[in-house]
Amino acid sequence: MEMSDYETAYSYFDSGISFLSKKHWQKHYALSLELYSLAAKCALTNGDHTSLELLIAEVVAKAHFFEDKLDVLYFETCALAISSRLPESIERGVEILSKLGIELRGGGSSMEACVQETKDLLSGYTDDEILNTRRMTDSTMIMAMKFLGKMETGMTQIMPKSAPHVMQRIIQLSLSHGMSPVSPIGFVHLGSYIAKLGDINEGYHYVKLARSLVDNVGSRESAGEVICFGTPVRAYVEPLQATFEYHDEGYAAALASGDIIQAALNISLKILNMFFAGVNLQTTREKCAEAVNFLDERKMVIFMMNQQCLQKFVLKLIGTDEMPKYTSAEEENILATNNSVRTSNYFQGAFTSFMFRSYDDSKHYAEKYLDCIGNTWANLLLQHAFHAIYIGLISFWVARKSGDGQQWHERGKRSKLALKKWAESSQWTFENKWYLLEAEELYCNNDFDAAKTYYEKAIAAAKSHKFVHEEALACELAGYFHLEQGETEKATELFFLAHEKYHEWGAFEKCNSLFKFVEGIRTLYLPLTRADVDGRK
């Protein structure tokens, strides 16, 4: 199974099971247990949940000891986690860990306190001491660590305040019982939480330590998850475009170990990064379609819904009648129980409405988003920066137009300050975004000369750092600003340039929308034809 051909592997294990004698559980107990467990792992990876349920039921009924059931119970919690039953998966994991003597209920300290307690614990160890900690040998404890590692991912989505306690327990057990293949997961999540709380450099340190631990524990079982959650932190330090290959490595590592959840997350996050970086939309469209098919085949409903949010962005910007596949009635249940998915849906509405200049819808979806965002992903993801820039832009837009402008101005200012801080750790990725929000705030404050300067800086930084979509956006927003100042010729020049850059990005429907806007004002200002705009492409 090292080569990730789990369909072939399943056929071999299934054949092995068929060759067992009628009383194989009595005569060949160890062999039976191993064959059923390996077949169950392959069924999970292949998305064959019917076979998985049958295999689990057989082991649960025939295994002599609770510890012998742990492998298949682990696969069961994984299957629940990728369907619409993530809360049930977490509850099952908590129950199983309780039977193994590890209690997770009742952790009352905040994320900040939990992270600080863990940092205090680790302050007594050097990096070398951590890397050279003895290996964990207790097989039951090793299995318990696997449950903890898998619960971490689920809890970050729907129980973000509880997720740090799982991280803390992984690290505590690793230091007291030895390092297991799951131990690096605790350290990468610690790094992610520290970065989320504002210390990017310290978070980056723990992410790199987790990568080193993967090599030291003698197994790459957790490599997919370590890369998956470590890469977003690296994207706040390293140029965004340089991080694509990390997720490719994470996908390959996850699939090689049969970790279908982390394989799916690495695919999804890479495509998001491509979109955020301004990769041509046709390329992103093709990658989205491939990912949706991958997730659909494996019945990974939660991940498929998130991928379809991005797919909707892309198709709307390109302009096509093609619609994403939709999941079954499970979708409604997921939206009711998974706040992270619900928040992504609201952001999709806010982003799309803003890009097509629908003021009322932008405000409506931004309000829905802001109501949800406080209880979503515990980890620092690149989405946080992308959301911050657009919610900030919407906020300053609403602040200029609405009666409750002060509240929206404060929201925009918070987004601007977040981008300014992130620009300190990665000037390449975040400088242009900070400049654009600075320009919009100055516009709100009627400091028009300073606003002009920052629009120019935003355009120049986006161009220099290869963010063609954000160069287009900065030109467009600067165009509206200059139009408002009565500088029609300058505004038209900027709209021309925005159209050119949106076309380069592949956002053809956005190009049409922008042209219609400029065409609508041409009789008031300057004569303009489609040929004028197309001639600037």
Protein backbone atom coordinates (compact mmCIF):
# COMPACT_ATOMS: atom_id res chain seq x y z
CA MET A 1 0.00 0.00 0.00
CA GLU A 2 3.03 2.31 -0.03
CA MET A 3 2.28 3.19 -3.67
CA SER A 4 -1.23 4.45 -2.81
CA ASP A 5 -3.01 1.95 -5.07
CA TYR A 6 -5.70 1.27 -2.52
CA GLU A 7 -8.24 -0.17 -4.97
CA THR A 8 -5.84 -2.93 -5.96
CA ALA A 9 -4.83 -3.45 -2.36
CA TYR A 10 -8.48 -3.78 -1.33
CA SER A 11 -9.04 -6.47 -3.94
CA TYR A 12 -6.12 -8.47 -2.53
CA PHE A 13 -7.30 -8.16 1.07
CA ASP A 14 -10.86 -9.01 0.04
CA SER A 15 -9.59 -12.12 -1.73
CA GLY A 16 -7.60 -13.03 1.36
CA ILE A 17 -10.73 -12.76 3.48
CA SER A 18 -12.67 -14.94 1.05
CA PHE A 19 -10.03 -17.68 1.39
CA LEU A 20 -10.39 -17.84 5.16
CA SER A 21 -12.09 -20.92 6.59
CA LYS A 22 -15.54 -20.76 8.16
CA LYS A 23 -14.20 -20.66 11.71
CA HIS A 24 -11.30 -18.35 10.90
CA TRP A 25 -11.90 -16.09 13.89
CA GLN A 26 -11.26 -19.09 16.14
CA LYS A 27 -8.49 -20.72 14.12
CA HIS A 28 -6.70 -17.68 12.63
CA TYR A 29 -7.65 -14.79 14.89
CA ALA A 30 -4.56 -12.58 14.32
CA LEU A 31 -4.62 -13.07 10.54
CA SER A 32 -8.37 -12.37 10.39
CA LEU A 33 -8.02 -9.21 12.43
CA GLU A 34 -5.19 -7.92 10.24
CA LEU A 35 -6.95 -8.66 6.96
CA TYR A 36 -10.20 -7.02 8.05
CA SER A 37 -8.41 -3.96 9.42
CA LEU A 38 -6.32 -3.46 6.26
CA ALA A 39 -9.36 -3.99 4.04
CA ALA A 40 -11.24 -1.40 6.10
CA LYS A 41 -8.43 1.13 5.64
CA CYS A 42 -8.54 0.62 1.87
CA ALA A 43 -12.34 0.88 1.78
CA LEU A 44 -12.18 4.20 3.63
CA THR A 45 -9.55 5.59 1.27
CA ASN A 46 -11.51 4.43 -1.78
CA GLY A 47 -14.77 5.95 -0.51
CA ASP A 48 -16.42 2.52 -0.34
CA HIS A 49 -18.41 3.17 2.82
CA THR A 50 -20.75 0.19 2.33
CA SER A 51 -17.86 -2.27 2.48
CA LEU A 52 -16.31 -0.27 5.31
CA GLU A 53 -19.44 -0.59 7.46
CA LEU A 54 -19.58 -4.35 6.89
CA LEU A 55 -15.93 -4.81 7.77
CA ILE A 56 -16.24 -2.70 10.91
CA ALA A 57 -19.32 -4.58 12.05
CA GLU A 58 -17.54 -7.91 11.64
CA VAL A 59 -14.51 -6.84 13.67
CA VAL A 60 -16.60 -5.23 16.41
CA ALA A 61 -18.64 -8.42 16.72
CA LYS A 62 -15.73 -10.88 16.65
CA ALA A 63 -12.73 -9.10 18.24
CA HIS A 64 -11.79 -10.47 21.67
CA PHE A 65 -10.63 -7.23 23.24
CA PHE A 66 -11.54 -3.55 22.97
CA GLU A 67 -7.96 -2.73 21.95
CA ASP A 68 -8.31 -5.08 18.97
CA LYS A 69 -11.24 -3.00 17.70
CA LEU A 70 -9.38 0.30 17.79
CA ASP A 71 -8.14 0.25 14.19
CA VAL A 72 -11.60 -0.15 12.68
CA LEU A 73 -13.19 2.22 15.19
CA TYR A 74 -10.63 4.79 14.08
CA PHE A 75 -11.62 4.26 10.44
CA GLU A 76 -15.26 4.65 11.47
CA THR A 77 -14.62 8.05 13.06
CA CYS A 78 -12.75 9.10 9.90
CA ALA A 79 -15.71 8.09 7.72
CA LEU A 80 -18.12 10.03 9.92
CA ALA A 81 -15.83 13.08 9.81
CA ILE A 82 -15.89 13.39 6.02
CA SER A 83 -19.66 12.98 5.74
CA SER A 84 -22.34 15.17 7.28
CA ARG A 85 -21.75 13.60 10.70
CA LEU A 86 -18.65 15.39 11.96
CA PRO A 87 -20.16 16.13 15.41
CA GLU A 88 -20.90 12.40 15.81
CA SER A 89 -17.33 11.58 14.78
CA ILE A 90 -15.93 13.85 17.46
CA GLU A 91 -18.26 12.46 20.13
CA ARG A 92 -17.29 8.90 19.22
CA GLY A 93 -13.62 9.84 19.47
CA VAL A 94 -14.13 11.42 22.89
CA GLU A 95 -15.91 8.25 24.12
CA ILE A 96 -13.19 5.94 22.84
CA LEU A 97 -10.42 8.05 24.36
CA SER A 98 -12.29 8.06 27.69
CA LYS A 99 -12.24 4.25 27.66
CA LEU A 100 -8.49 4.46 27.12
CA GLY A 101 -8.11 6.73 30.14
CA ILE A 102 -7.77 10.04 28.29
CA GLU A 103 -10.45 12.57 29.25
CA LEU A 104 -11.12 15.54 26.98
CA ARG A 105 -14.38 16.81 28.44
CA GLY A 106 -14.27 19.72 30.82
CA GLY A 107 -11.30 21.66 29.39
CA GLY A 108 -12.37 25.16 30.33
CA SER A 109 -9.35 27.37 29.66
CA SER A 110 -9.34 29.72 26.69
CA MET A 111 -7.34 29.19 23.52
CA GLU A 112 -4.87 31.85 24.68
CA ALA A 113 -4.41 30.22 28.09
CA CYS A 114 -4.08 26.72 26.61
CA VAL A 115 -1.45 27.86 24.12
CA GLN A 116 0.47 29.72 26.82
CA GLU A 117 0.39 26.67 29.14
CA THR A 118 1.80 24.53 26.34
CA LYS A 119 4.52 27.07 25.57
CA ASP A 120 5.42 27.14 29.27
CA LEU A 121 5.66 23.34 29.28
CA LEU A 122 7.96 23.37 26.25
CA SER A 123 10.14 26.16 27.63
CA GLY A 124 11.96 23.50 29.66
CA TYR A 125 13.11 21.72 26.49
CA THR A 126 15.45 22.72 23.70
CA ASP A 127 14.56 21.89 20.10
CA ASP A 128 17.26 19.21 20.07
CA GLU A 129 15.83 17.61 23.21
CA ILE A 130 12.37 17.53 21.66
CA LEU A 131 13.70 16.06 18.42
CA ASN A 132 15.64 13.39 20.32
CA THR A 133 12.88 12.42 22.76
CA ARG A 134 12.49 8.66 23.06
CA ARG A 135 9.96 6.85 20.87
CA MET A 136 6.55 5.83 22.18
CA THR A 137 6.28 2.03 22.50
CA ASP A 138 2.89 1.40 24.14
CA SER A 139 0.69 0.22 21.23
CA THR A 140 -2.56 1.29 22.90
CA MET A 141 -1.19 4.77 23.59
CA ILE A 142 0.02 5.00 19.99
CA MET A 143 -3.52 4.23 18.85
CA ALA A 144 -4.97 6.77 21.28
CA MET A 145 -2.67 9.37 19.76
CA LYS A 146 -4.13 8.60 16.33
CA PHE A 147 -7.62 9.38 17.63
CA LEU A 148 -6.36 12.62 19.13
CA GLY A 149 -4.65 13.61 15.90
CA LYS A 150 -7.76 13.01 13.82
CA MET A 151 -10.03 14.82 16.27
CA GLU A 152 -7.81 17.89 16.06
CA THR A 153 -8.78 18.51 12.43
CA GLY A 154 -12.49 18.05 13.09
CA MET A 155 -12.55 20.23 16.17
CA THR A 156 -10.80 23.11 14.42
CA GLN A 157 -13.85 23.32 12.12
CA ILE A 158 -16.79 23.07 14.52
CA MET A 159 -15.30 23.30 18.03
CA PRO A 160 -12.43 25.78 17.59
CA LYS A 161 -12.31 26.68 21.28
CA SER A 162 -11.78 23.02 22.23
CA ALA A 163 -9.22 22.17 19.54
CA PRO A 164 -6.22 23.65 21.42
CA HIS A 165 -6.87 21.28 24.33
CA VAL A 166 -6.39 18.32 21.98
CA MET A 167 -3.12 19.84 20.75
CA GLN A 168 -2.01 20.32 24.35
CA ARG A 169 -2.81 16.70 25.23
CA ILE A 170 -0.87 15.39 22.21
CA ILE A 171 2.21 17.32 23.29
CA GLN A 172 1.86 16.35 26.95
CA LEU A 173 1.58 12.66 26.10
CA SER A 174 4.49 12.90 23.66
CA LEU A 175 6.76 14.33 26.32
CA SER A 176 5.68 11.86 29.01
CA HIS A 177 5.30 8.64 26.95
CA GLY A 178 7.60 9.31 24.00
CA MET A 179 7.16 10.59 20.47
CA SER A 180 4.71 8.76 18.22
CA PRO A 181 4.02 9.24 14.49
CA VAL A 182 1.18 11.58 15.56
CA SER A 183 3.34 13.81 17.79
CA PRO A 184 4.33 16.23 14.98
CA ILE A 185 0.62 17.04 14.56
CA GLY A 186 0.53 18.55 18.03
CA PHE A 187 3.49 20.79 17.27
CA VAL A 188 2.23 21.98 13.87
CA HIS A 189 -1.14 22.91 15.36
CA LEU A 190 0.60 24.72 18.21
CA GLY A 191 2.51 26.74 15.62
CA SER A 192 -0.70 27.47 13.74
CA TYR A 193 -2.51 28.62 16.89
CA ILE A 194 0.40 30.83 17.96
CA ALA A 195 0.42 32.42 14.50
CA LYS A 196 -3.36 32.88 14.65
CA LEU A 197 -2.94 34.72 17.96
CA GLY A 198 -0.53 37.14 16.30
CA ASP A 199 3.03 35.85 16.62
CA ILE A 200 3.78 34.70 13.09
CA ASN A 201 7.50 34.19 13.65
CA GLU A 202 7.12 31.96 16.71
CA GLY A 203 4.36 30.01 14.98
CA TYR A 204 6.64 29.56 11.97
CA HIS A 205 9.31 28.19 14.31
CA TYR A 206 7.02 25.44 15.61
CA VAL A 207 5.85 24.61 12.10
CA LYS A 208 9.45 23.99 11.06
CA LEU A 209 10.04 21.97 14.25
CA ALA A 210 7.04 19.79 13.37
CA ARG A 211 8.49 19.14 9.91
CA SER A 212 11.78 18.05 11.51
CA LEU A 213 9.90 15.79 13.94
CA VAL A 214 8.26 13.96 11.03
CA ASP A 215 11.72 12.86 9.93
CA ASN A 216 12.77 11.91 13.46
CA VAL A 217 9.81 9.75 14.55
CA GLY A 218 10.58 7.10 11.95
CA SER A 219 7.25 7.39 10.12
CA ARG A 220 5.70 9.79 7.62
CA GLU A 221 2.19 8.85 8.73
CA SER A 222 1.46 12.42 9.86
CA ALA A 223 3.39 14.19 7.08
CA GLY A 224 0.23 15.06 5.14
CA GLU A 225 -1.35 16.86 8.10
CA VAL A 226 1.87 18.55 9.17
CA ILE A 227 2.34 19.95 5.67
CA CYS A 228 -1.35 20.80 5.33
CA PHE A 229 -1.56 22.99 8.44
CA GLY A 230 2.04 24.17 8.34
CA THR A 231 1.89 25.55 4.80
CA PRO A 232 -0.65 28.32 5.55
CA VAL A 233 1.67 29.62 8.27
CA ARG A 234 4.58 29.49 5.84
CA ALA A 235 2.45 31.52 3.40
CA TYR A 236 2.46 34.36 5.95
CA VAL A 237 6.27 34.41 5.78
CA GLU A 238 7.28 33.13 2.35
CA PRO A 239 6.01 34.38 -1.05
CA LEU A 240 2.57 32.90 -1.63
CA GLN A 241 3.42 31.56 -5.09
CA ALA A 242 6.27 29.50 -3.58
CA THR A 243 3.91 27.51 -1.34
CA PHE A 244 1.99 25.62 -4.04
CA GLU A 245 4.50 22.77 -4.16
CA TYR A 246 4.23 22.20 -0.41
CA HIS A 247 0.60 21.13 -0.75
CA ASP A 248 1.57 18.82 -3.64
CA GLU A 249 4.02 17.16 -1.27
CA GLY A 250 1.37 17.02 1.46
CA TYR A 251 -1.17 15.40 -0.87
CA ALA A 252 1.32 12.73 -1.96
CA ALA A 253 2.37 12.01 1.64
CA ALA A 254 -1.22 11.79 2.87
CA LEU A 255 -2.33 9.48 0.09
CA ALA A 256 0.71 7.25 0.57
CA SER A 257 -0.28 6.74 4.21
CA GLY A 258 -3.98 6.32 3.45
CA ASP A 259 -4.95 9.60 5.12
CA ILE A 260 -7.72 10.57 2.75
CA ILE A 261 -8.81 13.54 4.89
CA GLN A 262 -5.44 15.27 4.69
CA ALA A 263 -5.10 14.38 1.01
CA ALA A 264 -8.40 16.20 0.40
CA LEU A 265 -7.40 19.18 2.53
CA ASN A 266 -4.07 19.57 0.75
CA ILE A 267 -5.81 19.54 -2.64
CA SER A 268 -8.40 22.08 -1.49
CA LEU A 269 -5.92 24.45 0.14
CA LYS A 270 -3.58 24.39 -2.85
CA ILE A 271 -6.40 25.42 -5.19
CA LEU A 272 -7.44 28.18 -2.78
CA ASN A 273 -3.85 29.42 -2.74
CA MET A 274 -3.81 29.42 -6.53
CA PHE A 275 -6.96 31.53 -6.56
CA PHE A 276 -5.60 33.91 -3.92
CA ALA A 277 -2.37 34.27 -5.91
CA GLY A 278 -4.19 35.23 -9.10
CA VAL A 279 -3.40 32.13 -11.17
CA ASN A 280 -5.32 32.24 -14.45
CA LEU A 281 -8.95 31.40 -13.73
CA GLN A 282 -9.21 28.79 -16.47
CA THR A 283 -6.42 26.81 -14.80
CA THR A 284 -8.12 27.20 -11.42
CA ARG A 285 -11.43 26.15 -12.99
CA GLU A 286 -9.89 22.92 -14.28
CA LYS A 287 -8.26 22.18 -10.91
CA CYS A 288 -11.56 22.80 -9.13
CA ALA A 289 -13.36 20.34 -11.41
CA GLU A 290 -10.70 17.69 -10.79
CA ALA A 291 -10.90 18.23 -7.03
CA VAL A 292 -14.70 18.05 -6.96
CA ASN A 293 -14.58 14.75 -8.85
CA PHE A 294 -11.94 13.40 -6.44
CA LEU A 295 -14.04 14.39 -3.43
CA ASP A 296 -17.31 13.20 -4.96
CA GLU A 297 -15.89 9.76 -5.74
CA ARG A 298 -14.80 9.39 -2.12
CA LYS A 299 -18.03 10.79 -0.66
CA MET A 300 -16.19 13.60 1.14
CA VAL A 301 -19.21 15.84 1.47
CA ILE A 302 -17.83 18.57 3.76
CA PHE A 303 -14.73 19.14 1.65
CA MET A 304 -16.77 19.00 -1.53
CA MET A 305 -19.06 21.77 -0.28
CA ASN A 306 -16.10 24.01 0.53
CA GLN A 307 -14.57 23.30 -2.87
CA GLN A 308 -17.85 24.18 -4.55
CA CYS A 309 -17.81 27.59 -2.84
CA LEU A 310 -14.57 28.35 -4.65
CA GLN A 311 -15.89 26.81 -7.85
CA LYS A 312 -18.83 29.22 -7.75
CA PHE A 313 -16.44 32.19 -7.40
CA VAL A 314 -14.45 31.05 -10.39
CA LEU A 315 -17.37 30.25 -12.69
CA LYS A 316 -19.08 33.55 -11.90
CA LEU A 317 -15.93 35.55 -12.64
CA ILE A 318 -15.31 33.71 -15.90
CA GLY A 319 -18.95 33.90 -16.97
CA THR A 320 -20.42 30.51 -17.78
CA ASP A 321 -23.70 28.64 -17.55
CA GLU A 322 -21.84 25.71 -16.01
CA MET A 323 -22.95 25.02 -12.45
CA PRO A 324 -21.11 23.06 -9.75
CA LYS A 325 -22.35 19.62 -8.79
CA TYR A 326 -24.45 19.66 -5.68
CA THR A 327 -24.44 17.23 -2.84
CA SER A 328 -27.49 15.48 -1.46
CA ALA A 329 -29.74 16.59 1.37
CA GLU A 330 -26.69 16.18 3.63
CA GLU A 331 -25.76 19.72 2.62
CA GLU A 332 -28.45 21.28 4.79
CA ASN A 333 -27.31 19.28 7.81
CA ILE A 334 -23.70 20.32 7.28
CA LEU A 335 -24.64 24.00 7.02
CA ALA A 336 -26.55 23.63 10.29
CA THR A 337 -23.69 21.97 12.20
CA ASN A 338 -20.47 23.17 10.56
CA ASN A 339 -19.96 26.88 11.14
CA SER A 340 -16.78 26.93 9.03
CA VAL A 341 -18.69 25.73 5.95
CA ARG A 342 -21.52 28.16 6.64
CA THR A 343 -19.06 31.05 6.97
CA SER A 344 -17.42 30.12 3.65
CA ASN A 345 -20.84 30.25 1.99
CA TYR A 346 -21.55 33.70 3.37
CA PHE A 347 -18.14 34.95 2.31
CA GLN A 348 -18.73 33.59 -1.19
CA GLY A 349 -21.88 35.71 -1.35
CA ALA A 350 -20.10 38.80 -0.02
CA PHE A 351 -17.11 38.40 -2.34
CA THR A 352 -19.20 37.80 -5.47
CA SER A 353 -21.52 40.71 -4.68
CA PHE A 354 -18.59 43.04 -4.09
CA MET A 355 -16.80 42.06 -7.27
CA PHE A 356 -19.96 42.80 -9.26
CA ARG A 357 -20.67 45.98 -7.28
CA SER A 358 -23.96 44.93 -5.70
CA TYR A 359 -23.96 47.14 -2.63
CA ASP A 360 -27.02 45.77 -0.80
CA ASP A 361 -25.99 42.14 -1.28
CA SER A 362 -22.40 42.88 -0.28
CA LYS A 363 -23.58 44.42 2.97
CA HIS A 364 -26.10 41.62 3.63
CA TYR A 365 -23.62 38.77 3.19
CA ALA A 366 -20.87 40.61 5.04
CA GLU A 367 -23.19 40.96 8.04
CA LYS A 368 -24.00 37.24 7.89
CA TYR A 369 -20.30 36.44 7.65
CA LEU A 370 -19.39 38.65 10.60
CA ASP A 371 -22.05 36.96 12.73
CA CYS A 372 -20.36 33.58 12.13
CA ILE A 373 -16.65 34.23 11.89
CA GLY A 374 -15.95 34.20 15.62
CA ASN A 375 -16.55 30.45 15.89
CA THR A 376 -14.71 29.02 12.90
CA TRP A 377 -11.33 27.47 12.12
CA ALA A 378 -8.98 27.67 15.12
CA ASN A 379 -5.93 27.49 12.86
CA LEU A 380 -4.39 30.33 10.90
CA LEU A 381 -5.28 29.78 7.25
CA LEU A 382 -4.63 31.92 4.21
CA GLN A 383 -8.39 32.41 3.98
CA HIS A 384 -8.16 34.68 7.02
CA ALA A 385 -6.09 37.18 5.05
CA PHE A 386 -8.22 36.87 1.91
CA HIS A 387 -11.39 37.36 3.96
CA ALA A 388 -9.84 40.31 5.79
CA ILE A 389 -9.04 42.21 2.59
CA TYR A 390 -12.52 41.82 1.08
CA ILE A 391 -14.50 42.30 4.29
CA GLY A 392 -12.33 45.38 4.88
CA LEU A 393 -13.06 46.73 1.40
CA ILE A 394 -16.79 46.10 1.82
CA SER A 395 -16.71 47.74 5.25
CA PHE A 396 -15.14 50.96 3.96
CA TRP A 397 -17.59 50.98 1.04
CA VAL A 398 -20.55 50.65 3.41
CA ALA A 399 -19.00 53.22 5.77
CA ARG A 400 -19.07 55.81 2.99
CA LYS A 401 -22.68 55.11 2.07
CA SER A 402 -24.64 53.99 5.15
CA GLY A 403 -26.08 55.62 8.22
CA ASP A 404 -24.10 53.37 10.58
CA GLY A 405 -20.81 54.31 8.99
CA GLN A 406 -18.78 54.44 12.18
CA GLN A 407 -19.33 50.77 12.98
CA TRP A 408 -18.37 49.74 9.46
CA HIS A 409 -15.38 52.07 9.50
CA GLU A 410 -14.10 50.31 12.63
CA ARG A 411 -14.53 46.93 10.94
CA GLY A 412 -12.57 48.12 7.95
CA LYS A 413 -9.87 49.53 10.19
CA ARG A 414 -9.49 46.19 12.00
CA SER A 415 -9.00 44.47 8.65
CA LYS A 416 -6.46 47.08 7.61
CA LEU A 417 -4.44 46.70 10.81
CA ALA A 418 -4.43 42.91 10.41
CA LEU A 419 -3.09 43.22 6.85
CA LYS A 420 -0.51 45.78 7.99
CA LYS A 421 0.78 43.36 10.65
CA TRP A 422 0.89 40.45 8.21
CA ALA A 423 2.81 42.67 5.77
CA GLU A 424 5.54 42.86 8.41
CA SER A 425 6.09 39.09 8.13
CA SER A 426 5.57 38.85 4.36
CA GLN A 427 5.89 42.11 2.48
CA TRP A 428 5.65 40.19 -0.80
CA THR A 429 2.20 38.71 -0.16
CA PHE A 430 0.45 41.34 1.95
CA GLU A 431 1.93 44.78 1.23
CA ASN A 432 -0.33 45.59 -1.72
CA LYS A 433 -3.42 44.48 0.22
CA TRP A 434 -2.55 46.70 3.17
CA TYR A 435 -1.92 49.65 0.85
CA LEU A 436 -5.33 49.20 -0.79
CA LEU A 437 -7.16 49.15 2.54
CA GLU A 438 -5.13 52.18 3.63
CA ALA A 439 -6.27 54.00 0.50
CA GLU A 440 -9.90 53.10 1.12
CA GLU A 441 -9.74 54.29 4.73
CA LEU A 442 -8.14 57.57 3.69
CA TYR A 443 -10.90 57.95 1.10
CA CYS A 444 -13.44 57.48 3.93
CA ASN A 445 -11.62 60.11 5.98
CA ASN A 446 -11.67 62.60 3.08
CA ASP A 447 -7.86 62.68 2.99
CA PHE A 448 -7.89 62.58 -0.79
CA ASP A 449 -4.26 63.46 -1.52
CA ALA A 450 -2.98 60.67 0.76
CA ALA A 451 -5.60 58.27 -0.69
CA LYS A 452 -4.27 58.90 -4.22
CA THR A 453 -0.77 58.05 -3.06
CA TYR A 454 -1.85 54.77 -1.48
CA TYR A 455 -3.92 53.69 -4.49
CA GLU A 456 -0.80 54.20 -6.60
CA LYS A 457 1.29 52.22 -4.10
CA ALA A 458 -1.28 49.39 -4.06
CA ILE A 459 -1.26 49.16 -7.86
CA ALA A 460 2.55 49.23 -8.05
CA ALA A 461 3.01 46.62 -5.27
CA ALA A 462 0.46 44.23 -6.79
CA LYS A 463 2.18 44.55 -10.17
CA SER A 464 5.65 44.05 -8.67
CA HIS A 465 4.59 41.00 -6.67
CA LYS A 466 2.72 39.33 -9.58
CA PHE A 467 -0.84 39.57 -8.20
CA VAL A 468 -2.59 40.44 -11.46
CA HIS A 469 -6.10 40.13 -10.01
CA GLU A 470 -5.29 42.53 -7.18
CA GLU A 471 -3.63 44.94 -9.60
CA ALA A 472 -6.92 44.92 -11.49
CA LEU A 473 -8.94 45.47 -8.31
CA ALA A 474 -6.72 48.33 -7.12
CA CYS A 475 -7.05 50.01 -10.52
CA GLU A 476 -10.82 49.62 -10.46
CA LEU A 477 -11.24 51.02 -6.95
CA ALA A 478 -8.86 53.86 -7.72
CA GLY A 479 -11.00 54.55 -10.78
CA TYR A 480 -14.14 54.94 -8.65
CA PHE A 481 -12.20 57.23 -6.32
CA HIS A 482 -10.98 59.50 -9.13
CA LEU A 483 -14.44 59.51 -10.72
CA GLU A 484 -15.88 60.74 -7.42
CA GLN A 485 -13.26 63.53 -7.40
CA GLY A 486 -14.37 64.63 -10.86
CA GLU A 487 -11.13 63.41 -12.47
CA THR A 488 -12.89 61.62 -15.29
CA GLU A 489 -9.96 61.19 -17.63
CA LYS A 490 -7.82 59.62 -14.91
CA ALA A 491 -10.70 57.39 -13.80
CA THR A 492 -11.26 56.17 -17.34
CA GLU A 493 -7.56 55.41 -17.75
CA LEU A 494 -7.68 53.30 -14.57
CA PHE A 495 -10.83 51.48 -15.69
CA PHE A 496 -9.07 50.65 -18.97
CA LEU A 497 -6.15 49.19 -17.06
CA ALA A 498 -8.43 47.27 -14.68
CA HIS A 499 -10.25 45.76 -17.65
CA GLU A 500 -6.93 44.72 -19.19
CA LYS A 501 -5.75 43.01 -16.00
CA TYR A 502 -9.07 41.30 -15.30
CA HIS A 503 -8.94 39.94 -18.83
CA GLU A 504 -5.39 38.70 -18.23
CA TRP A 505 -6.65 36.93 -15.09
CA GLY A 506 -9.45 35.30 -17.12
CA ALA A 507 -12.34 37.10 -15.37
CA PHE A 508 -14.29 37.72 -18.57
CA GLU A 509 -17.67 38.27 -16.93
CA LYS A 510 -16.09 40.82 -14.62
CA CYS A 511 -14.67 42.51 -17.73
CA ASN A 512 -18.19 42.67 -19.21
CA SER A 513 -19.58 44.09 -15.98
CA LEU A 514 -16.91 46.77 -15.79
CA PHE A 515 -17.39 47.70 -19.44
CA LYS A 516 -21.14 48.12 -18.91
CA PHE A 517 -20.45 50.45 -15.99
CA VAL A 518 -18.05 52.60 -17.99
CA GLU A 519 -20.36 52.49 -20.99
CA GLY A 520 -23.13 53.77 -18.74
CA ILE A 521 -21.20 56.91 -17.85
CA ARG A 522 -19.73 57.63 -21.29
CA THR A 523 -22.50 60.00 -22.32
CA LEU A 524 -21.85 62.04 -19.19
CA TYR A 525 -18.07 62.05 -19.46
CA LEU A 526 -15.99 60.65 -22.33
CA PRO A 527 -16.98 58.87 -25.56
CA LEU A 528 -16.08 55.21 -25.15
CA THR A 529 -16.63 52.11 -27.29
CA ARG A 530 -16.00 48.42 -26.87
CA ALA A 531 -13.13 48.80 -29.33
CA ASP A 532 -11.53 51.38 -27.03
CA VAL A 533 -11.55 48.94 -24.14
CA ASP A 534 -10.60 45.87 -26.15
CA GLY A 535 -7.80 47.80 -27.79
CA ARG A 536 -6.10 48.14 -24.42
CA LYS A 537 -6.00 44.36 -23.83
